[in-house]
Amino acid sequence: MVTDVAQGRTGKSLQISGLTKTYQLRSGEKLTALGPVTTEVEAGEFFAVVGPSGCGKSTLLHILAGILKPTEGRILVGGEPVAGPSIDRSVVFQSYALFPWLTVVENVEFGLHAKKIPRERKREIALHQLQLVGLEGFANKRIDELSGGMKQRVAIARAFAVEPSILLMDEPFGALDALTRRVLQRELVRVWQEQRRTVVFITHSVPEALFLADRVSLMSARPGQIKSEWRVSSARPRDVTAEPLVQFEREIYAQLDEELAKTFV
């Protein structure tokens, strides 16, 4: 059984209640993209969401980040309502969203500008986070001197640097090659185990979700709702070819195929 998230958590709980998102189209019609979604993520839990394209996974994450407002429902972080964006909820996107005119360490420091801490302390925090992701030797490099995998490590370091309670990740490894993706999955688990943030991770990859998460949630076809959930109790680091995870993978794909079929009707 998993015991590594039972102690030392620094994240906050996340309660999602009756969350929906409806868009007004130019034609005057309304399109419900999401919901209703109701679930709870425990403090320090690594929670992954999979589902067919267009089911509202990214919409859900953007609402949790405070970037979008829900049509109905509410979100509580540590019991407090979400009213908008906050550095307490860091976001890592598939695109790196780094500033090319800043150095690597300056990119990691960027989110810390909102905190009233001395310049020397900002640099100390940024360098520590770069060390955690194996990039301490690249602190003074420009972003365009880095590979795609290294850029994503910088994005992860920047997200962790502000010490968020919740880390929201939207397909962060989706654009990377398979080997780089595998390396960064392992790096993410290692850093998460050290810092114990609450993580909501959006992915199209079932094996990735099973490798990373304490719990995997499957969303239905649009409008996305939580169809099923699996709690993964295998110890880390995980072998996704082990029979318990292979069985989970079969179950998830069977239900995912049902939802995929609905998108072609």
C-alpha atoms as a PDB file:
ATOM      1  CA  MET A   1       0.000   0.000   0.000  1.00  0.00           C
ATOM      2  CA  VAL A   2       1.071   3.580  -0.613  1.00  0.00           C
ATOM      3  CA  THR A   3       2.225   5.356   2.511  1.00  0.00           C
ATOM      4  CA  ASP A   4       4.447   8.052   1.008  1.00  0.00           C
ATOM      5  CA  VAL A   5       1.736  10.734   0.925  1.00  0.00           C
ATOM      6  CA  ALA A   6       0.393  10.017   4.362  1.00  0.00           C
ATOM      7  CA  GLN A   7       2.976  12.158   6.154  1.00  0.00           C
ATOM      8  CA  GLY A   8       4.539  15.574   5.632  1.00  0.00           C
ATOM      9  CA  ARG A   9       1.966  17.024   3.241  1.00  0.00           C
ATOM     10  CA  THR A  10       2.321  20.690   2.385  1.00  0.00           C
ATOM     11  CA  GLY A  11      -0.467  20.939  -0.185  1.00  0.00           C
ATOM     12  CA  LYS A  12      -4.058  21.919   0.477  1.00  0.00           C
ATOM     13  CA  SER A  13      -7.248  19.991  -0.159  1.00  0.00           C
ATOM     14  CA  LEU A  14      -9.346  20.815  -3.209  1.00  0.00           C
ATOM     15  CA  GLN A  15     -13.138  20.501  -3.239  1.00  0.00           C
ATOM     16  CA  ILE A  16     -14.997  20.723  -6.553  1.00  0.00           C
ATOM     17  CA  SER A  17     -18.777  20.888  -6.316  1.00  0.00           C
ATOM     18  CA  GLY A  18     -21.262  20.917  -9.208  1.00  0.00           C
ATOM     19  CA  LEU A  19     -18.816  22.583 -11.581  1.00  0.00           C
ATOM     20  CA  THR A  20     -20.121  23.356 -15.087  1.00  0.00           C
ATOM     21  CA  LYS A  21     -18.985  25.522 -17.997  1.00  0.00           C
ATOM     22  CA  THR A  22     -21.289  26.629 -20.817  1.00  0.00           C
ATOM     23  CA  TYR A  23     -20.196  28.775 -23.772  1.00  0.00           C
ATOM     24  CA  GLN A  24     -22.363  31.085 -25.849  1.00  0.00           C
ATOM     25  CA  LEU A  25     -21.684  30.414 -29.551  1.00  0.00           C
ATOM     26  CA  ARG A  26     -21.857  33.056 -32.278  1.00  0.00           C
ATOM     27  CA  SER A  27     -24.924  31.298 -33.641  1.00  0.00           C
ATOM     28  CA  GLY A  28     -26.699  32.027 -30.370  1.00  0.00           C
ATOM     29  CA  GLU A  29     -26.628  28.381 -29.297  1.00  0.00           C
ATOM     30  CA  LYS A  30     -25.163  27.311 -25.997  1.00  0.00           C
ATOM     31  CA  LEU A  31     -22.487  24.630 -25.736  1.00  0.00           C
ATOM     32  CA  THR A  32     -21.960  22.888 -22.416  1.00  0.00           C
ATOM     33  CA  ALA A  33     -18.301  21.895 -22.365  1.00  0.00           C
ATOM     34  CA  LEU A  34     -18.037  20.602 -18.828  1.00  0.00           C
ATOM     35  CA  GLY A  35     -19.985  19.130 -16.024  1.00  0.00           C
ATOM     36  CA  PRO A  36     -21.387  18.856 -13.637  1.00  0.00           C
ATOM     37  CA  VAL A  37     -18.146  17.754 -11.954  1.00  0.00           C
ATOM     38  CA  THR A  38     -17.968  16.966  -8.260  1.00  0.00           C
ATOM     39  CA  THR A  39     -14.897  15.489  -6.596  1.00  0.00           C
ATOM     40  CA  GLU A  40     -12.377  16.102  -3.829  1.00  0.00           C
ATOM     41  CA  VAL A  41      -8.594  15.980  -3.976  1.00  0.00           C
ATOM     42  CA  GLU A  42      -6.839  15.346  -0.685  1.00  0.00           C
ATOM     43  CA  ALA A  43      -4.015  17.544   0.560  1.00  0.00           C
ATOM     44  CA  GLY A  44      -0.758  16.277  -0.920  1.00  0.00           C
ATOM     45  CA  GLU A  45      -2.486  13.903  -3.336  1.00  0.00           C
ATOM     46  CA  PHE A  46      -1.325  13.392  -6.927  1.00  0.00           C
ATOM     47  CA  PHE A  47      -4.570  13.347  -8.922  1.00  0.00           C
ATOM     48  CA  ALA A  48      -4.561  12.597 -12.666  1.00  0.00           C
ATOM     49  CA  VAL A  49      -7.385  13.175 -15.147  1.00  0.00           C
ATOM     50  CA  VAL A  50      -7.683  11.361 -18.478  1.00  0.00           C
ATOM     51  CA  GLY A  51     -10.416  11.505 -21.094  1.00  0.00           C
ATOM     52  CA  PRO A  52     -11.150  11.896 -24.812  1.00  0.00           C
ATOM     53  CA  SER A  53     -10.129  15.053 -26.659  1.00  0.00           C
ATOM     54  CA  GLY A  54     -12.671  17.837 -26.236  1.00  0.00           C
ATOM     55  CA  CYS A  55     -14.162  16.442 -23.032  1.00  0.00           C
ATOM     56  CA  GLY A  56     -13.297  19.526 -20.976  1.00  0.00           C
ATOM     57  CA  LYS A  57     -10.122  18.424 -19.184  1.00  0.00           C
ATOM     58  CA  SER A  58      -8.261  21.639 -19.913  1.00  0.00           C
ATOM     59  CA  THR A  59     -11.397  23.684 -19.234  1.00  0.00           C
ATOM     60  CA  LEU A  60     -11.570  22.079 -15.801  1.00  0.00           C
ATOM     61  CA  LEU A  61      -7.929  22.900 -15.098  1.00  0.00           C
ATOM     62  CA  HIS A  62      -8.323  26.514 -16.261  1.00  0.00           C
ATOM     63  CA  ILE A  63     -11.293  26.930 -13.930  1.00  0.00           C
ATOM     64  CA  LEU A  64      -9.273  25.475 -11.041  1.00  0.00           C
ATOM     65  CA  ALA A  65      -6.513  27.959 -11.882  1.00  0.00           C
ATOM     66  CA  GLY A  66      -8.986  30.851 -11.806  1.00  0.00           C
ATOM     67  CA  ILE A  67      -8.309  31.671 -15.469  1.00  0.00           C
ATOM     68  CA  LEU A  68     -11.896  30.796 -16.419  1.00  0.00           C
ATOM     69  CA  LYS A  69     -15.027  31.336 -14.361  1.00  0.00           C
ATOM     70  CA  PRO A  70     -17.458  28.419 -14.049  1.00  0.00           C
ATOM     71  CA  THR A  71     -21.047  28.795 -15.176  1.00  0.00           C
ATOM     72  CA  GLU A  72     -22.192  26.980 -12.051  1.00  0.00           C
ATOM     73  CA  GLY A  73     -20.616  25.311  -9.049  1.00  0.00           C
ATOM     74  CA  ARG A  74     -17.797  26.221  -6.720  1.00  0.00           C
ATOM     75  CA  ILE A  75     -14.198  25.381  -5.861  1.00  0.00           C
ATOM     76  CA  LEU A  76     -12.699  25.425  -2.385  1.00  0.00           C
ATOM     77  CA  VAL A  77      -8.960  25.310  -1.696  1.00  0.00           C
ATOM     78  CA  GLY A  78      -8.281  24.454   1.897  1.00  0.00           C
ATOM     79  CA  GLY A  79     -11.879  25.398   2.617  1.00  0.00           C
ATOM     80  CA  GLU A  80     -11.574  28.846   1.002  1.00  0.00           C
ATOM     81  CA  PRO A  81     -13.424  29.734  -2.242  1.00  0.00           C
ATOM     82  CA  VAL A  82     -11.437  30.351  -5.431  1.00  0.00           C
ATOM     83  CA  ALA A  83     -12.102  33.860  -6.724  1.00  0.00           C
ATOM     84  CA  GLY A  84      -9.415  34.145  -9.406  1.00  0.00           C
ATOM     85  CA  PRO A  85      -5.781  33.328 -10.240  1.00  0.00           C
ATOM     86  CA  SER A  86      -3.328  32.976  -7.361  1.00  0.00           C
ATOM     87  CA  ILE A  87       0.326  32.059  -6.971  1.00  0.00           C
ATOM     88  CA  ASP A  88      -0.960  29.527  -4.437  1.00  0.00           C
ATOM     89  CA  ARG A  89      -2.110  27.537  -7.512  1.00  0.00           C
ATOM     90  CA  SER A  90       0.784  27.287  -9.969  1.00  0.00           C
ATOM     91  CA  VAL A  91       0.120  26.160 -13.549  1.00  0.00           C
ATOM     92  CA  VAL A  92       2.418  24.254 -15.921  1.00  0.00           C
ATOM     93  CA  PHE A  93       1.186  24.159 -19.524  1.00  0.00           C
ATOM     94  CA  GLN A  94       2.192  21.974 -22.455  1.00  0.00           C
ATOM     95  CA  SER A  95       3.801  25.051 -24.030  1.00  0.00           C
ATOM     96  CA  TYR A  96       6.637  26.159 -21.809  1.00  0.00           C
ATOM     97  CA  ALA A  97       5.428  29.780 -21.329  1.00  0.00           C
ATOM     98  CA  LEU A  98       8.954  30.937 -20.524  1.00  0.00           C
ATOM     99  CA  PHE A  99      10.385  34.403 -21.172  1.00  0.00           C
ATOM    100  CA  PRO A 100      13.124  34.192 -23.834  1.00  0.00           C
ATOM    101  CA  TRP A 101      14.687  37.525 -22.807  1.00  0.00           C
ATOM    102  CA  LEU A 102      15.371  36.213 -19.286  1.00  0.00           C
ATOM    103  CA  THR A 103      17.980  33.702 -18.214  1.00  0.00           C
ATOM    104  CA  VAL A 104      16.995  30.321 -16.810  1.00  0.00           C
ATOM    105  CA  VAL A 105      17.362  31.427 -13.186  1.00  0.00           C
ATOM    106  CA  GLU A 106      15.526  34.699 -13.877  1.00  0.00           C
ATOM    107  CA  ASN A 107      12.608  32.707 -15.309  1.00  0.00           C
ATOM    108  CA  VAL A 108      12.444  30.626 -12.141  1.00  0.00           C
ATOM    109  CA  GLU A 109      12.592  33.783 -10.020  1.00  0.00           C
ATOM    110  CA  PHE A 110       9.791  35.460 -11.948  1.00  0.00           C
ATOM    111  CA  GLY A 111       6.885  34.219  -9.839  1.00  0.00           C
ATOM    112  CA  LEU A 112       8.735  35.195  -6.681  1.00  0.00           C
ATOM    113  CA  HIS A 113       8.463  38.883  -7.565  1.00  0.00           C
ATOM    114  CA  ALA A 114       4.936  38.809  -6.138  1.00  0.00           C
ATOM    115  CA  LYS A 115       6.424  37.866  -2.777  1.00  0.00           C
ATOM    116  CA  LYS A 116       8.103  40.523  -0.687  1.00  0.00           C
ATOM    117  CA  ILE A 117      11.355  38.731  -0.043  1.00  0.00           C
ATOM    118  CA  PRO A 118      14.944  39.967  -0.493  1.00  0.00           C
ATOM    119  CA  ARG A 119      16.586  39.622  -3.907  1.00  0.00           C
ATOM    120  CA  GLU A 120      19.246  37.316  -2.488  1.00  0.00           C
ATOM    121  CA  ARG A 121      16.591  35.002  -1.088  1.00  0.00           C
ATOM    122  CA  LYS A 122      14.814  34.874  -4.456  1.00  0.00           C
ATOM    123  CA  ARG A 123      18.023  33.800  -6.124  1.00  0.00           C
ATOM    124  CA  GLU A 124      18.660  31.196  -3.422  1.00  0.00           C
ATOM    125  CA  ILE A 125      15.179  29.694  -3.881  1.00  0.00           C
ATOM    126  CA  ALA A 126      15.479  29.670  -7.680  1.00  0.00           C
ATOM    127  CA  LEU A 127      18.878  27.979  -7.621  1.00  0.00           C
ATOM    128  CA  HIS A 128      17.592  25.360  -5.189  1.00  0.00           C
ATOM    129  CA  GLN A 129      14.669  24.533  -7.482  1.00  0.00           C
ATOM    130  CA  LEU A 130      17.014  24.293 -10.475  1.00  0.00           C
ATOM    131  CA  GLN A 131      19.148  21.898  -8.473  1.00  0.00           C
ATOM    132  CA  LEU A 132      16.101  19.718  -7.787  1.00  0.00           C
ATOM    133  CA  VAL A 133      15.401  19.393 -11.522  1.00  0.00           C
ATOM    134  CA  GLY A 134      19.075  18.902 -12.421  1.00  0.00           C
ATOM    135  CA  LEU A 135      19.642  22.273 -14.106  1.00  0.00           C
ATOM    136  CA  GLU A 136      21.836  24.097 -11.609  1.00  0.00           C
ATOM    137  CA  GLY A 137      24.612  24.212 -14.218  1.00  0.00           C
ATOM    138  CA  PHE A 138      22.354  26.029 -16.692  1.00  0.00           C
ATOM    139  CA  ALA A 139      21.197  28.870 -14.427  1.00  0.00           C
ATOM    140  CA  ASN A 140      22.724  31.624 -16.554  1.00  0.00           C
ATOM    141  CA  LYS A 141      21.851  30.153 -19.954  1.00  0.00           C
ATOM    142  CA  ARG A 142      19.257  31.705 -22.227  1.00  0.00           C
ATOM    143  CA  ILE A 143      16.024  29.815 -22.830  1.00  0.00           C
ATOM    144  CA  ASP A 144      16.766  29.351 -26.545  1.00  0.00           C
ATOM    145  CA  GLU A 145      19.916  27.429 -25.589  1.00  0.00           C
ATOM    146  CA  LEU A 146      17.892  24.664 -23.940  1.00  0.00           C
ATOM    147  CA  SER A 147      16.261  21.520 -25.319  1.00  0.00           C
ATOM    148  CA  GLY A 148      12.498  21.020 -25.041  1.00  0.00           C
ATOM    149  CA  GLY A 149      12.870  18.735 -22.042  1.00  0.00           C
ATOM    150  CA  MET A 150      15.125  21.225 -20.282  1.00  0.00           C
ATOM    151  CA  LYS A 151      12.645  24.041 -20.921  1.00  0.00           C
ATOM    152  CA  GLN A 152       9.910  21.991 -19.292  1.00  0.00           C
ATOM    153  CA  ARG A 153      12.158  21.379 -16.300  1.00  0.00           C
ATOM    154  CA  VAL A 154      12.557  25.152 -15.972  1.00  0.00           C
ATOM    155  CA  ALA A 155       8.762  25.530 -16.100  1.00  0.00           C
ATOM    156  CA  ILE A 156       8.377  22.926 -13.349  1.00  0.00           C
ATOM    157  CA  ALA A 157      11.082  24.583 -11.229  1.00  0.00           C
ATOM    158  CA  ARG A 158       9.338  27.957 -11.622  1.00  0.00           C
ATOM    159  CA  ALA A 159       6.007  26.448 -10.585  1.00  0.00           C
ATOM    160  CA  PHE A 160       7.478  24.863  -7.445  1.00  0.00           C
ATOM    161  CA  ALA A 161       9.563  27.956  -6.551  1.00  0.00           C
ATOM    162  CA  VAL A 162       6.566  29.957  -5.302  1.00  0.00           C
ATOM    163  CA  GLU A 163       5.697  27.112  -2.923  1.00  0.00           C
ATOM    164  CA  PRO A 164       2.133  26.663  -4.175  1.00  0.00           C
ATOM    165  CA  SER A 165      -0.375  24.620  -2.264  1.00  0.00           C
ATOM    166  CA  ILE A 166      -1.647  23.185  -5.547  1.00  0.00           C
ATOM    167  CA  LEU A 167       0.210  22.476  -8.779  1.00  0.00           C
ATOM    168  CA  LEU A 168      -1.984  22.328 -11.898  1.00  0.00           C
ATOM    169  CA  MET A 169      -0.405  20.602 -14.909  1.00  0.00           C
ATOM    170  CA  ASP A 170      -2.011  20.594 -18.359  1.00  0.00           C
ATOM    171  CA  GLU A 171      -0.394  17.954 -20.602  1.00  0.00           C
ATOM    172  CA  PRO A 172       3.063  19.195 -19.550  1.00  0.00           C
ATOM    173  CA  PHE A 173       4.962  16.399 -21.312  1.00  0.00           C
ATOM    174  CA  GLY A 174       2.690  16.014 -24.336  1.00  0.00           C
ATOM    175  CA  ALA A 175       5.061  17.673 -26.823  1.00  0.00           C
ATOM    176  CA  LEU A 176       8.154  15.740 -25.746  1.00  0.00           C
ATOM    177  CA  ASP A 177       9.686  12.607 -27.238  1.00  0.00           C
ATOM    178  CA  ALA A 178       9.058   9.322 -25.424  1.00  0.00           C
ATOM    179  CA  LEU A 179      12.463   9.059 -23.746  1.00  0.00           C
ATOM    180  CA  THR A 180      12.492  12.656 -22.497  1.00  0.00           C
ATOM    181  CA  ARG A 181       8.933  12.239 -21.294  1.00  0.00           C
ATOM    182  CA  ARG A 182       9.941   9.153 -19.306  1.00  0.00           C
ATOM    183  CA  VAL A 183      12.835  11.005 -17.665  1.00  0.00           C
ATOM    184  CA  LEU A 184      10.654  13.970 -16.703  1.00  0.00           C
ATOM    185  CA  GLN A 185       7.922  11.737 -15.309  1.00  0.00           C
ATOM    186  CA  ARG A 186      10.465  10.260 -12.923  1.00  0.00           C
ATOM    187  CA  GLU A 187      11.854  13.703 -12.078  1.00  0.00           C
ATOM    188  CA  LEU A 188       8.367  15.034 -11.341  1.00  0.00           C
ATOM    189  CA  VAL A 189       7.600  12.149  -8.978  1.00  0.00           C
ATOM    190  CA  ARG A 190      10.905  12.690  -7.174  1.00  0.00           C
ATOM    191  CA  VAL A 191      10.364  16.432  -6.701  1.00  0.00           C
ATOM    192  CA  TRP A 192       6.729  15.906  -5.704  1.00  0.00           C
ATOM    193  CA  GLN A 193       7.749  13.361  -3.070  1.00  0.00           C
ATOM    194  CA  GLU A 194      10.189  15.891  -1.601  1.00  0.00           C
ATOM    195  CA  GLN A 195       7.772  18.838  -1.545  1.00  0.00           C
ATOM    196  CA  ARG A 196       4.349  17.203  -1.118  1.00  0.00           C
ATOM    197  CA  ARG A 197       2.278  19.663  -3.127  1.00  0.00           C
ATOM    198  CA  THR A 198      -1.229  18.746  -4.203  1.00  0.00           C
ATOM    199  CA  VAL A 199      -1.102  17.990  -7.944  1.00  0.00           C
ATOM    200  CA  VAL A 200      -3.879  17.927 -10.554  1.00  0.00           C
ATOM    201  CA  PHE A 201      -2.383  16.467 -13.740  1.00  0.00           C
ATOM    202  CA  ILE A 202      -4.197  16.439 -17.095  1.00  0.00           C
ATOM    203  CA  THR A 203      -3.024  13.860 -19.644  1.00  0.00           C
ATOM    204  CA  HIS A 204      -4.122  11.834 -22.663  1.00  0.00           C
ATOM    205  CA  SER A 205      -1.748   9.031 -21.663  1.00  0.00           C
ATOM    206  CA  VAL A 206      -3.199   6.291 -19.479  1.00  0.00           C
ATOM    207  CA  PRO A 207       0.240   4.749 -18.708  1.00  0.00           C
ATOM    208  CA  GLU A 208       1.515   8.182 -17.685  1.00  0.00           C
ATOM    209  CA  ALA A 209      -1.429   8.683 -15.335  1.00  0.00           C
ATOM    210  CA  LEU A 210      -0.872   5.264 -13.759  1.00  0.00           C
ATOM    211  CA  PHE A 211       2.851   5.870 -13.354  1.00  0.00           C
ATOM    212  CA  LEU A 212       2.380   9.235 -11.651  1.00  0.00           C
ATOM    213  CA  ALA A 213      -0.863   9.394  -9.726  1.00  0.00           C
ATOM    214  CA  ASP A 214      -2.355   8.260  -6.450  1.00  0.00           C
ATOM    215  CA  ARG A 215      -5.756   8.399  -8.139  1.00  0.00           C
ATOM    216  CA  VAL A 216      -6.802   8.414 -11.787  1.00  0.00           C
ATOM    217  CA  SER A 217     -10.107   9.924 -12.863  1.00  0.00           C
ATOM    218  CA  LEU A 218     -11.696   9.202 -16.258  1.00  0.00           C
ATOM    219  CA  MET A 219     -13.852  11.930 -17.777  1.00  0.00           C
ATOM    220  CA  SER A 220     -16.715  11.193 -20.123  1.00  0.00           C
ATOM    221  CA  ALA A 221     -17.185  12.656 -23.592  1.00  0.00           C
ATOM    222  CA  ARG A 222     -18.440  16.264 -23.687  1.00  0.00           C
ATOM    223  CA  PRO A 223     -19.880  17.596 -21.538  1.00  0.00           C
ATOM    224  CA  GLY A 224     -17.139  16.117 -19.393  1.00  0.00           C
ATOM    225  CA  GLN A 225     -18.150  14.472 -16.164  1.00  0.00           C
ATOM    226  CA  ILE A 226     -16.235  12.101 -13.926  1.00  0.00           C
ATOM    227  CA  LYS A 227     -17.216   8.641 -15.106  1.00  0.00           C
ATOM    228  CA  SER A 228     -14.920   6.419 -13.030  1.00  0.00           C
ATOM    229  CA  GLU A 229     -11.946   6.598 -10.704  1.00  0.00           C
ATOM    230  CA  TRP A 230      -9.111   4.228  -9.799  1.00  0.00           C
ATOM    231  CA  ARG A 231      -6.945   4.485  -6.683  1.00  0.00           C
ATOM    232  CA  VAL A 232      -3.399   3.331  -7.415  1.00  0.00           C
ATOM    233  CA  SER A 233      -1.704   1.814  -4.374  1.00  0.00           C
ATOM    234  CA  SER A 234       1.508   0.543  -6.001  1.00  0.00           C
ATOM    235  CA  ALA A 235       4.694   1.800  -4.351  1.00  0.00           C
ATOM    236  CA  ARG A 236       6.927   4.216  -6.244  1.00  0.00           C
ATOM    237  CA  PRO A 237       8.896   4.075  -8.478  1.00  0.00           C
ATOM    238  CA  ARG A 238       6.319   2.116 -10.438  1.00  0.00           C
ATOM    239  CA  ASP A 239       6.609  -0.512 -13.128  1.00  0.00           C
ATOM    240  CA  VAL A 240       3.687   0.086 -15.487  1.00  0.00           C
ATOM    241  CA  THR A 241       4.129  -3.438 -16.896  1.00  0.00           C
ATOM    242  CA  ALA A 242       3.308  -4.973 -13.488  1.00  0.00           C
ATOM    243  CA  GLU A 243       0.049  -6.910 -13.549  1.00  0.00           C
ATOM    244  CA  PRO A 244      -1.986  -4.679 -11.173  1.00  0.00           C
ATOM    245  CA  LEU A 245      -1.243  -1.605 -13.308  1.00  0.00           C
ATOM    246  CA  VAL A 246      -1.795  -3.508 -16.542  1.00  0.00           C
ATOM    247  CA  GLN A 247      -5.224  -4.519 -15.247  1.00  0.00           C
ATOM    248  CA  PHE A 248      -6.046  -0.894 -14.398  1.00  0.00           C
ATOM    249  CA  GLU A 249      -4.883   0.104 -17.874  1.00  0.00           C
ATOM    250  CA  ARG A 250      -7.225  -2.442 -19.487  1.00  0.00           C
ATOM    251  CA  GLU A 251     -10.162  -1.201 -17.426  1.00  0.00           C
ATOM    252  CA  ILE A 252      -9.464   2.463 -18.175  1.00  0.00           C
ATOM    253  CA  TYR A 253      -9.014   1.864 -21.913  1.00  0.00           C
ATOM    254  CA  ALA A 254     -12.230  -0.175 -22.069  1.00  0.00           C
ATOM    255  CA  GLN A 255     -14.212   2.726 -20.603  1.00  0.00           C
ATOM    256  CA  LEU A 256     -12.231   5.301 -22.567  1.00  0.00           C
ATOM    257  CA  ASP A 257     -13.086   3.485 -25.807  1.00  0.00           C
ATOM    258  CA  GLU A 258     -16.777   3.771 -24.909  1.00  0.00           C
ATOM    259  CA  GLU A 259     -16.414   7.523 -24.507  1.00  0.00           C
ATOM    260  CA  LEU A 260     -14.323   7.890 -27.658  1.00  0.00           C
ATOM    261  CA  ALA A 261     -17.062   6.146 -29.647  1.00  0.00           C
ATOM    262  CA  LYS A 262     -19.524   8.815 -28.541  1.00  0.00           C
ATOM    263  CA  THR A 263     -17.399  11.568 -30.071  1.00  0.00           C
ATOM    264  CA  PHE A 264     -17.806  10.034 -33.548  1.00  0.00           C
ATOM    265  CA  VAL A 265     -21.582   9.639 -33.413  1.00  0.00           C
END
